[in-house]
N, C-alpha and C. Protein backbone atom coordinates (compact mmCIF):
# COMPACT_ATOMS: atom_id res chain seq x y z
N MET A 1 -38.35 -26.66 56.39
CA MET A 1 -38.38 -25.53 55.01
C MET A 1 -37.17 -25.50 54.52
N ALA A 2 -37.69 -24.75 53.06
CA ALA A 2 -36.31 -24.70 52.14
C ALA A 2 -35.57 -23.82 52.48
N SER A 3 -34.28 -23.89 52.51
CA SER A 3 -33.34 -22.92 51.91
C SER A 3 -33.57 -21.61 51.49
N PRO A 4 -33.01 -20.51 51.62
CA PRO A 4 -33.78 -19.30 50.96
C PRO A 4 -32.61 -19.50 49.69
N LYS A 5 -33.59 -18.50 48.33
CA LYS A 5 -32.46 -18.67 47.29
C LYS A 5 -32.23 -16.80 47.22
N LYS A 6 -31.31 -16.79 46.60
CA LYS A 6 -30.95 -15.29 46.18
C LYS A 6 -32.00 -14.50 45.47
N SER A 7 -32.67 -15.13 44.72
CA SER A 7 -34.03 -13.91 43.92
C SER A 7 -35.45 -14.19 45.10
N ASP A 8 -35.11 -14.57 46.82
CA ASP A 8 -36.32 -14.19 47.15
C ASP A 8 -36.55 -12.82 48.05
N CYS A 9 -37.55 -12.22 48.05
CA CYS A 9 -37.33 -10.84 48.73
C CYS A 9 -36.96 -11.16 50.24
N ALA A 10 -36.24 -9.75 50.77
CA ALA A 10 -35.83 -9.74 51.86
C ALA A 10 -35.69 -8.69 52.60
N GLN A 11 -35.68 -8.31 54.15
CA GLN A 11 -35.73 -7.72 54.51
C GLN A 11 -34.70 -7.62 55.69
N TYR A 12 -34.07 -6.02 56.23
CA TYR A 12 -33.49 -6.63 57.84
C TYR A 12 -33.93 -5.22 58.53
N GLU A 13 -33.62 -5.03 59.40
CA GLU A 13 -34.11 -4.10 60.32
C GLU A 13 -32.30 -4.32 61.24
N PHE A 14 -32.13 -2.41 61.26
CA PHE A 14 -30.64 -2.11 61.87
C PHE A 14 -30.52 -0.84 62.64
N LYS A 15 -30.03 -1.21 63.69
CA LYS A 15 -30.10 0.07 65.00
C LYS A 15 -28.83 0.20 65.78
N LEU A 16 -28.33 1.27 65.04
CA LEU A 16 -27.02 1.79 65.71
C LEU A 16 -27.12 3.17 66.80
N ILE A 17 -26.51 2.40 67.75
CA ILE A 17 -26.08 3.27 68.90
C ILE A 17 -24.60 3.71 68.57
N HIS A 18 -24.20 5.01 68.40
CA HIS A 18 -23.02 5.66 68.44
C HIS A 18 -22.96 7.18 69.25
N GLU A 19 -22.34 7.63 69.67
CA GLU A 19 -21.78 8.98 70.49
C GLU A 19 -21.97 9.75 69.17
N ASP A 20 -21.94 9.57 67.84
CA ASP A 20 -21.34 10.84 66.94
C ASP A 20 -22.65 10.17 66.11
N ALA A 21 -23.88 9.62 66.37
CA ALA A 21 -24.42 9.15 65.51
C ALA A 21 -25.00 10.18 64.65
N LYS A 22 -25.46 11.52 65.15
CA LYS A 22 -25.80 12.22 63.84
C LYS A 22 -24.64 12.89 62.55
N ALA A 23 -23.76 13.01 62.78
CA ALA A 23 -22.79 12.88 62.16
C ALA A 23 -22.64 11.87 61.41
N LEU A 24 -22.83 10.80 61.89
CA LEU A 24 -22.72 8.84 60.77
C LEU A 24 -24.48 9.36 60.05
N SER A 25 -25.36 9.95 60.57
CA SER A 25 -26.46 9.33 59.78
C SER A 25 -26.44 10.48 58.75
N ALA A 26 -25.42 11.51 58.78
CA ALA A 26 -25.59 12.57 57.69
C ALA A 26 -24.80 12.14 56.63
N GLY A 27 -23.93 11.25 56.67
CA GLY A 27 -23.21 10.74 55.44
C GLY A 27 -23.76 9.45 55.11
N LEU A 28 -25.40 9.06 55.33
CA LEU A 28 -26.01 8.07 55.15
C LEU A 28 -27.51 9.00 54.25
N THR A 29 -27.33 10.04 54.26
CA THR A 29 -28.61 10.39 52.97
C THR A 29 -28.63 10.18 51.74
N THR A 30 -27.55 9.93 50.89
CA THR A 30 -27.99 9.54 49.61
C THR A 30 -28.10 7.72 50.06
N GLU A 31 -27.63 7.12 50.80
CA GLU A 31 -27.49 5.49 50.93
C GLU A 31 -28.45 4.97 51.48
N VAL A 32 -29.86 4.93 51.91
CA VAL A 32 -30.59 4.78 53.21
C VAL A 32 -31.93 5.64 53.21
N ASP A 33 -32.87 5.93 53.51
CA ASP A 33 -33.90 6.36 54.51
C ASP A 33 -33.55 5.55 55.88
N TYR A 34 -33.58 6.52 56.54
CA TYR A 34 -33.40 5.94 57.90
C TYR A 34 -34.21 7.53 59.13
N ILE A 35 -33.91 6.85 60.64
CA ILE A 35 -35.03 7.76 61.74
C ILE A 35 -33.26 8.12 62.52
N TYR A 36 -33.44 9.15 62.50
CA TYR A 36 -32.21 9.69 63.68
C TYR A 36 -33.13 10.02 65.00
N ASN A 37 -32.41 9.40 66.10
CA ASN A 37 -32.92 10.32 67.26
C ASN A 37 -32.11 9.99 68.69
N ASP A 38 -31.54 11.25 68.82
CA ASP A 38 -30.41 11.43 69.63
C ASP A 38 -28.68 10.42 69.28
N ASN A 39 -28.79 9.24 69.82
CA ASN A 39 -27.45 8.90 69.59
C ASN A 39 -27.78 7.70 68.90
N GLU A 40 -28.90 7.37 68.21
CA GLU A 40 -29.01 5.80 67.80
C GLU A 40 -30.25 6.39 66.20
N ILE A 41 -29.80 5.68 65.07
CA ILE A 41 -29.65 5.66 63.42
C ILE A 41 -30.30 4.19 63.35
N TYR A 42 -31.75 4.44 63.08
CA TYR A 42 -33.00 3.37 63.01
C TYR A 42 -33.15 3.00 61.18
N ILE A 43 -32.56 1.82 60.69
CA ILE A 43 -32.47 1.35 59.95
C ILE A 43 -33.41 0.11 59.22
N HIS A 44 -34.37 0.33 58.32
CA HIS A 44 -35.74 -0.41 58.09
C HIS A 44 -35.49 -0.46 56.61
N GLU A 45 -34.97 -1.91 55.95
CA GLU A 45 -34.25 -2.04 54.53
C GLU A 45 -35.19 -3.37 53.86
N SER A 46 -35.86 -3.09 52.72
CA SER A 46 -36.68 -4.32 51.99
C SER A 46 -36.09 -4.53 50.04
N ALA A 47 -36.15 -5.31 50.02
CA ALA A 47 -35.56 -5.57 48.37
C ALA A 47 -36.32 -6.90 47.62
N ASP A 48 -36.36 -6.95 46.48
CA ASP A 48 -37.14 -7.78 45.89
C ASP A 48 -36.65 -9.01 45.66
N SER A 49 -34.85 -8.98 46.37
CA SER A 49 -34.13 -10.16 45.94
C SER A 49 -33.25 -10.13 46.97
N ILE A 50 -32.67 -11.30 47.37
CA ILE A 50 -31.67 -11.64 48.73
C ILE A 50 -30.54 -10.41 47.79
N ALA A 51 -29.92 -10.59 47.52
CA ALA A 51 -28.92 -10.39 46.00
C ALA A 51 -28.90 -8.88 46.19
N ASP A 52 -29.98 -8.44 45.63
CA ASP A 52 -29.96 -6.45 46.39
C ASP A 52 -29.95 -6.14 48.01
N LEU A 53 -30.95 -6.80 48.34
CA LEU A 53 -30.66 -6.72 49.82
C LEU A 53 -29.16 -6.32 49.87
N ARG A 54 -28.40 -7.39 50.12
CA ARG A 54 -26.92 -8.00 49.83
C ARG A 54 -26.33 -6.39 49.56
N ALA A 55 -26.38 -6.22 48.58
CA ALA A 55 -25.40 -5.01 48.05
C ALA A 55 -25.89 -4.15 48.52
N ARG A 56 -26.84 -3.19 49.23
CA ARG A 56 -27.61 -2.73 49.94
C ARG A 56 -27.02 -2.25 50.56
N TRP A 57 -26.19 -3.60 51.36
CA TRP A 57 -26.04 -3.71 53.10
C TRP A 57 -24.51 -3.25 52.82
N ASN A 58 -23.81 -3.77 52.23
CA ASN A 58 -22.81 -3.35 51.59
C ASN A 58 -22.38 -1.94 51.47
N SER A 59 -23.27 -1.22 50.59
CA SER A 59 -23.26 0.17 50.50
C SER A 59 -23.32 1.21 51.83
N LEU A 60 -24.47 0.21 52.55
CA LEU A 60 -24.48 1.45 53.83
C LEU A 60 -23.29 1.31 54.31
N MET A 61 -22.84 -0.14 54.80
CA MET A 61 -21.40 -0.50 55.95
C MET A 61 -20.10 0.73 54.99
N ARG A 62 -19.95 0.15 54.09
CA ARG A 62 -18.95 1.41 53.62
C ARG A 62 -19.66 2.56 53.43
N GLY A 63 -20.74 3.10 53.78
CA GLY A 63 -20.75 4.33 54.05
C GLY A 63 -20.36 5.21 55.50
N LEU A 64 -20.24 3.97 56.52
CA LEU A 64 -21.32 4.06 57.99
C LEU A 64 -19.16 4.03 58.37
N ILE A 65 -18.33 3.30 57.63
CA ILE A 65 -17.28 3.30 57.81
C ILE A 65 -16.63 4.44 57.53
N ALA A 66 -16.62 5.20 56.20
CA ALA A 66 -16.40 6.00 55.76
C ALA A 66 -16.60 7.37 56.46
N SER A 67 -17.71 7.18 56.64
CA SER A 67 -18.51 8.66 57.79
C SER A 67 -17.83 8.56 58.93
N GLU A 68 -17.30 7.84 59.77
CA GLU A 68 -16.49 7.11 61.04
C GLU A 68 -14.93 7.34 61.15
N GLN A 69 -14.80 7.08 59.91
CA GLN A 69 -13.33 7.48 59.70
C GLN A 69 -13.84 9.17 59.64
N ALA A 70 -14.06 9.51 58.88
CA ALA A 70 -13.92 11.20 58.49
C ALA A 70 -13.95 11.80 59.97
N VAL A 71 -15.41 11.31 61.09
CA VAL A 71 -15.24 11.84 62.00
C VAL A 71 -13.85 11.53 63.00
N ALA A 72 -13.61 10.48 63.01
CA ALA A 72 -12.09 9.98 63.68
C ALA A 72 -11.42 11.10 63.57
N ALA A 73 -11.31 11.41 62.02
CA ALA A 73 -9.84 12.42 61.90
C ALA A 73 -10.34 13.85 61.86
N THR A 74 -11.70 14.04 62.18
CA THR A 74 -11.60 15.56 62.58
C THR A 74 -11.31 15.95 63.75
N ARG A 75 -11.78 14.67 64.46
CA ARG A 75 -11.29 14.64 66.14
C ARG A 75 -10.25 14.64 66.46
N GLY A 76 -8.99 14.04 65.60
CA GLY A 76 -7.97 13.95 65.86
C GLY A 76 -7.39 12.13 66.36
N ASP A 77 -8.47 11.90 66.04
CA ASP A 77 -8.19 10.37 66.46
C ASP A 77 -6.98 9.30 66.06
């Protein structure tokens, strides 16, 4: 099997379980399409290249981290 190239199509599926999933999902509205159910967020992303998918993943993670920090700040953590 050949090693994947940055120009290959790619996809990922991500499931996040968090007690404040609703608040975290609100922060993702402009980043990615998602499904929210109770305390779970489900995300499926695909892209025309691994490089593009990696950039989307990085944006998603930055958004989740910022949202979680904002939630923690409002709780006084």
